[in-house]
C-alpha atoms as a PDB file:
ATOM      1  CA  MET A   1       1.387  15.908  18.841  1.00  0.00           C
ATOM      2  CA  THR A   2      -1.210  13.749  17.111  1.00  0.00           C
ATOM      3  CA  ASP A   3      -4.485  13.041  18.927  1.00  0.00           C
ATOM      4  CA  THR A   4      -5.776   9.543  19.647  1.00  0.00           C
ATOM      5  CA  ALA A   5      -8.420   9.618  16.898  1.00  0.00           C
ATOM      6  CA  SER A   6      -5.827  10.704  14.335  1.00  0.00           C
ATOM      7  CA  CYS A   7      -3.430   7.984  15.505  1.00  0.00           C
ATOM      8  CA  ALA A   8      -6.195   5.405  15.149  1.00  0.00           C
ATOM      9  CA  ARG A   9      -6.911   6.635  11.617  1.00  0.00           C
ATOM     10  CA  LEU A  10      -3.185   6.547  10.799  1.00  0.00           C
ATOM     11  CA  ASN A  11      -3.030   2.974  12.087  1.00  0.00           C
ATOM     12  CA  ASP A  12      -5.971   2.036   9.851  1.00  0.00           C
ATOM     13  CA  LEU A  13      -4.014   3.438   6.913  1.00  0.00           C
ATOM     14  CA  LEU A  14      -0.904   1.561   8.039  1.00  0.00           C
ATOM     15  CA  VAL A  15      -2.891  -1.703   7.976  1.00  0.00           C
ATOM     16  CA  ASP A  16      -4.252  -0.937   4.514  1.00  0.00           C
ATOM     17  CA  LEU A  17      -0.765  -0.135   3.195  1.00  0.00           C
ATOM     18  CA  GLY A  18       0.969  -3.029   4.921  1.00  0.00           C
ATOM     19  CA  ARG A  19      -1.697  -5.545   3.957  1.00  0.00           C
ATOM     20  CA  SER A  20      -2.360  -4.211   0.470  1.00  0.00           C
ATOM     21  CA  LEU A  21      -2.783  -6.452  -2.536  1.00  0.00           C
ATOM     22  CA  LEU A  22       0.668  -5.333  -3.687  1.00  0.00           C
ATOM     23  CA  GLN A  23       2.185  -6.656  -0.452  1.00  0.00           C
ATOM     24  CA  TYR A  24       0.195  -9.878  -0.704  1.00  0.00           C
ATOM     25  CA  ALA A  25       1.216 -10.446  -4.323  1.00  0.00           C
ATOM     26  CA  GLY A  26       4.838  -9.931  -3.338  1.00  0.00           C
ATOM     27  CA  GLU A  27       4.552 -12.639  -0.697  1.00  0.00           C
ATOM     28  CA  ALA A  28       2.143 -15.070  -2.371  1.00  0.00           C
ATOM     29  CA  TRP A  29       2.673 -14.855  -6.114  1.00  0.00           C
ATOM     30  CA  PRO A  30       0.072 -16.503  -8.393  1.00  0.00           C
ATOM     31  CA  TRP A  31       0.986 -19.955  -9.606  1.00  0.00           C
ATOM     32  CA  THR A  32       2.360 -19.117 -13.042  1.00  0.00           C
ATOM     33  CA  SER A  33       5.482 -20.063 -14.893  1.00  0.00           C
ATOM     34  CA  THR A  34       8.547 -17.854 -14.482  1.00  0.00           C
ATOM     35  CA  THR A  35       8.576 -17.051 -18.190  1.00  0.00           C
ATOM     36  CA  ASP A  36       4.991 -15.767 -18.039  1.00  0.00           C
ATOM     37  CA  ALA A  37       5.559 -13.690 -14.916  1.00  0.00           C
ATOM     38  CA  GLY A  38       9.052 -12.273 -15.471  1.00  0.00           C
ATOM     39  CA  GLU A  39       8.741  -8.485 -15.683  1.00  0.00           C
ATOM     40  CA  LEU A  40       5.557  -8.111 -13.632  1.00  0.00           C
ATOM     41  CA  ARG A  41       6.956 -10.133 -10.755  1.00  0.00           C
ATOM     42  CA  SER A  42      10.130  -8.051 -10.556  1.00  0.00           C
ATOM     43  CA  VAL A  43       8.110  -4.818 -10.711  1.00  0.00           C
ATOM     44  CA  VAL A  44       5.722  -6.019  -7.989  1.00  0.00           C
ATOM     45  CA  SER A  45       8.689  -6.930  -5.812  1.00  0.00           C
ATOM     46  CA  ARG A  46      10.331  -3.531  -6.307  1.00  0.00           C
ATOM     47  CA  LEU A  47       7.106  -1.564  -5.809  1.00  0.00           C
ATOM     48  CA  GLY A  48       6.278  -3.633  -2.737  1.00  0.00           C
ATOM     49  CA  ALA A  49       9.615  -2.664  -1.202  1.00  0.00           C
ATOM     50  CA  PHE A  50       8.874   0.976  -2.057  1.00  0.00           C
ATOM     51  CA  GLN A  51       5.482   0.689  -0.350  1.00  0.00           C
ATOM     52  CA  ARG A  52       7.037  -0.904   2.741  1.00  0.00           C
ATOM     53  CA  GLU A  53       8.976   2.344   3.186  1.00  0.00           C
ATOM     54  CA  SER A  54       5.607   4.051   3.692  1.00  0.00           C
ATOM     55  CA  VAL A  55       4.548   1.403   6.186  1.00  0.00           C
ATOM     56  CA  ALA A  56       7.780   1.844   8.135  1.00  0.00           C
ATOM     57  CA  ALA A  57       7.435   5.640   8.152  1.00  0.00           C
ATOM     58  CA  VAL A  58       3.843   5.562   9.429  1.00  0.00           C
ATOM     59  CA  ALA A  59       4.770   2.938  12.045  1.00  0.00           C
ATOM     60  CA  HIS A  60       7.688   5.116  13.188  1.00  0.00           C
ATOM     61  CA  LEU A  61       5.366   8.106  13.543  1.00  0.00           C
ATOM     62  CA  LEU A  62       2.823   6.100  15.553  1.00  0.00           C
ATOM     63  CA  ASP A  63       5.551   4.631  17.738  1.00  0.00           C
ATOM     64  CA  GLY A  64       6.877   8.127  18.418  1.00  0.00           C
ATOM     65  CA  GLU A  65       3.387   9.117  19.561  1.00  0.00           C
ATOM     66  CA  GLY A  66       3.282   6.122  21.911  1.00  0.00           C
ATOM     67  CA  HIS A  67       0.321   4.681  20.011  1.00  0.00           C
ATOM     68  CA  PRO A  68       0.043   0.872  19.988  1.00  0.00           C
ATOM     69  CA  ILE A  69       0.606  -0.404  16.469  1.00  0.00           C
ATOM     70  CA  ASP A  70      -1.638  -3.002  14.879  1.00  0.00           C
ATOM     71  CA  PHE A  71      -0.248  -4.357  11.608  1.00  0.00           C
ATOM     72  CA  GLY A  72      -3.464  -6.211  10.765  1.00  0.00           C
ATOM     73  CA  VAL A  73      -3.944  -9.253   8.561  1.00  0.00           C
ATOM     74  CA  TYR A  74      -4.488  -9.735   4.848  1.00  0.00           C
ATOM     75  CA  PRO A  75      -8.127  -9.743   3.708  1.00  0.00           C
ATOM     76  CA  ASP A  76      -9.521 -13.233   3.127  1.00  0.00           C
ATOM     77  CA  GLU A  77     -10.518 -12.393  -0.452  1.00  0.00           C
ATOM     78  CA  TYR A  78      -6.866 -12.237  -1.491  1.00  0.00           C
ATOM     79  CA  THR A  79      -6.571 -16.007  -1.085  1.00  0.00           C
ATOM     80  CA  SER A  80      -8.697 -16.523  -4.197  1.00  0.00           C
ATOM     81  CA  LEU A  81      -6.104 -14.756  -6.362  1.00  0.00           C
ATOM     82  CA  HIS A  82      -3.640 -17.638  -6.662  1.00  0.00           C
ATOM     83  CA  TYR A  83      -5.263 -18.980  -9.826  1.00  0.00           C
ATOM     84  CA  VAL A  84      -5.787 -15.835 -11.880  1.00  0.00           C
ATOM     85  CA  SER A  85      -4.168 -14.518 -15.021  1.00  0.00           C
ATOM     86  CA  LEU A  86      -1.419 -11.970 -14.605  1.00  0.00           C
ATOM     87  CA  ARG A  87      -3.510  -9.426 -16.545  1.00  0.00           C
ATOM     88  CA  TYR A  88      -6.359  -9.873 -14.066  1.00  0.00           C
ATOM     89  CA  LEU A  89      -3.943  -9.571 -11.140  1.00  0.00           C
ATOM     90  CA  LEU A  90      -2.509  -6.370 -12.605  1.00  0.00           C
ATOM     91  CA  ASP A  91      -6.009  -4.913 -12.955  1.00  0.00           C
ATOM     92  CA  GLN A  92      -6.755  -5.785  -9.321  1.00  0.00           C
ATOM     93  CA  LEU A  93      -3.448  -4.283  -8.171  1.00  0.00           C
ATOM     94  CA  ILE A  94      -4.377  -1.038  -9.933  1.00  0.00           C
ATOM     95  CA  VAL A  95      -7.845  -0.936  -8.343  1.00  0.00           C
ATOM     96  CA  ASN A  96      -6.357  -1.581  -4.898  1.00  0.00           C
ATOM     97  CA  GLU A  97      -3.651   1.033  -5.368  1.00  0.00           C
ATOM     98  CA  GLN A  98      -6.199   3.625  -6.536  1.00  0.00           C
ATOM     99  CA  ALA A  99      -8.108   3.066  -3.292  1.00  0.00           C
ATOM    100  CA  LEU A 100      -4.900   3.500  -1.280  1.00  0.00           C
ATOM    101  CA  VAL A 101      -4.071   6.775  -3.029  1.00  0.00           C
ATOM    102  CA  GLU A 102      -7.566   8.066  -2.257  1.00  0.00           C
ATOM    103  CA  GLU A 103      -7.316   6.909   1.361  1.00  0.00           C
ATOM    104  CA  CYS A 104      -3.931   8.605   1.818  1.00  0.00           C
ATOM    105  CA  ARG A 105      -5.364  11.862   0.536  1.00  0.00           C
ATOM    106  CA  ALA A 106      -8.469  11.557   2.721  1.00  0.00           C
ATOM    107  CA  VAL A 107      -6.469  10.873   5.882  1.00  0.00           C
ATOM    108  CA  THR A 108      -4.107  13.750   5.071  1.00  0.00           C
ATOM    109  CA  SER A 109      -7.077  16.117   4.795  1.00  0.00           C
ATOM    110  CA  GLU A 110      -8.271  15.021   8.262  1.00  0.00           C
ATOM    111  CA  LEU A 111      -4.988  16.034   9.927  1.00  0.00           C
ATOM    112  CA  GLU A 112      -3.755  19.440  11.044  1.00  0.00           C
ATOM    113  CA  PRO A 113      -2.307  20.899   7.805  1.00  0.00           C
ATOM    114  CA  ASN A 114       1.145  21.777   9.155  1.00  0.00           C
ATOM    115  CA  SER A 115       1.596  18.773  11.431  1.00  0.00           C
ATOM    116  CA  PRO A 116       4.429  16.253  11.018  1.00  0.00           C
ATOM    117  CA  ALA A 117       1.791  13.585  10.378  1.00  0.00           C
ATOM    118  CA  ALA A 118       0.290  15.580   7.492  1.00  0.00           C
ATOM    119  CA  ASP A 119       3.762  16.226   6.053  1.00  0.00           C
ATOM    120  CA  LEU A 120       4.543  12.519   6.224  1.00  0.00           C
ATOM    121  CA  LEU A 121       1.247  11.540   4.621  1.00  0.00           C
ATOM    122  CA  ARG A 122       1.825  13.940   1.756  1.00  0.00           C
ATOM    123  CA  GLU A 123       5.067  12.032   1.087  1.00  0.00           C
ATOM    124  CA  VAL A 124       3.240   8.709   1.418  1.00  0.00           C
ATOM    125  CA  SER A 125       0.540   9.949  -0.988  1.00  0.00           C
ATOM    126  CA  GLN A 126       3.188  10.875  -3.550  1.00  0.00           C
ATOM    127  CA  ARG A 127       4.861   7.489  -3.159  1.00  0.00           C
ATOM    128  CA  GLU A 128       1.557   5.645  -3.590  1.00  0.00           C
ATOM    129  CA  ALA A 129       0.666   7.783  -6.627  1.00  0.00           C
ATOM    130  CA  ALA A 130       4.032   6.865  -8.181  1.00  0.00           C
ATOM    131  CA  ILE A 131       3.320   3.175  -7.542  1.00  0.00           C
ATOM    132  CA  LEU A 132      -0.106   3.545  -9.163  1.00  0.00           C
ATOM    133  CA  SER A 133       1.385   5.297 -12.174  1.00  0.00           C
ATOM    134  CA  GLU A 134       3.917   2.536 -12.711  1.00  0.00           C
ATOM    135  CA  LEU A 135       1.285  -0.185 -12.389  1.00  0.00           C
ATOM    136  CA  GLN A 136      -0.899   1.641 -14.914  1.00  0.00           C
ATOM    137  CA  SER A 137       2.028   1.913 -17.326  1.00  0.00           C
ATOM    138  CA  LEU A 138       2.402  -1.886 -17.189  1.00  0.00           C
ATOM    139  CA  ARG A 139      -1.172  -2.236 -18.370  1.00  0.00           C
ATOM    140  CA  GLN A 140      -0.183  -0.422 -21.579  1.00  0.00           C
ATOM    141  CA  VAL A 141       2.494  -3.007 -22.426  1.00  0.00           C
END
């Protein structure tokens, strides 16, 4: 059983994952030509789907606890990213993903160590770290 404060913190994480810059970029791609965006766009789409698995898992956990789920809204500052270079977008995706990895680890440390919620968040943390690693590898190209 997860207490109300922990559920609220998990829901905050769910909002941050579900309304991350990666999710936004997958839905509202910068206005660039297809030839310029090719590989990055397909990677963002794939990684976004991978991240949505985390969102679904956290939502399922909260639903099982009977906690009302708030999926939140995208931050207003994302709307200014439609006219940026793909290199700049990639850098911003990395910064955002680093913050998510740190948040996942912080929330995990706040939970009972052997709880189902902590087990789930360890998986989510690994998934987010893998996303970060792949985004960072794109920067090297």
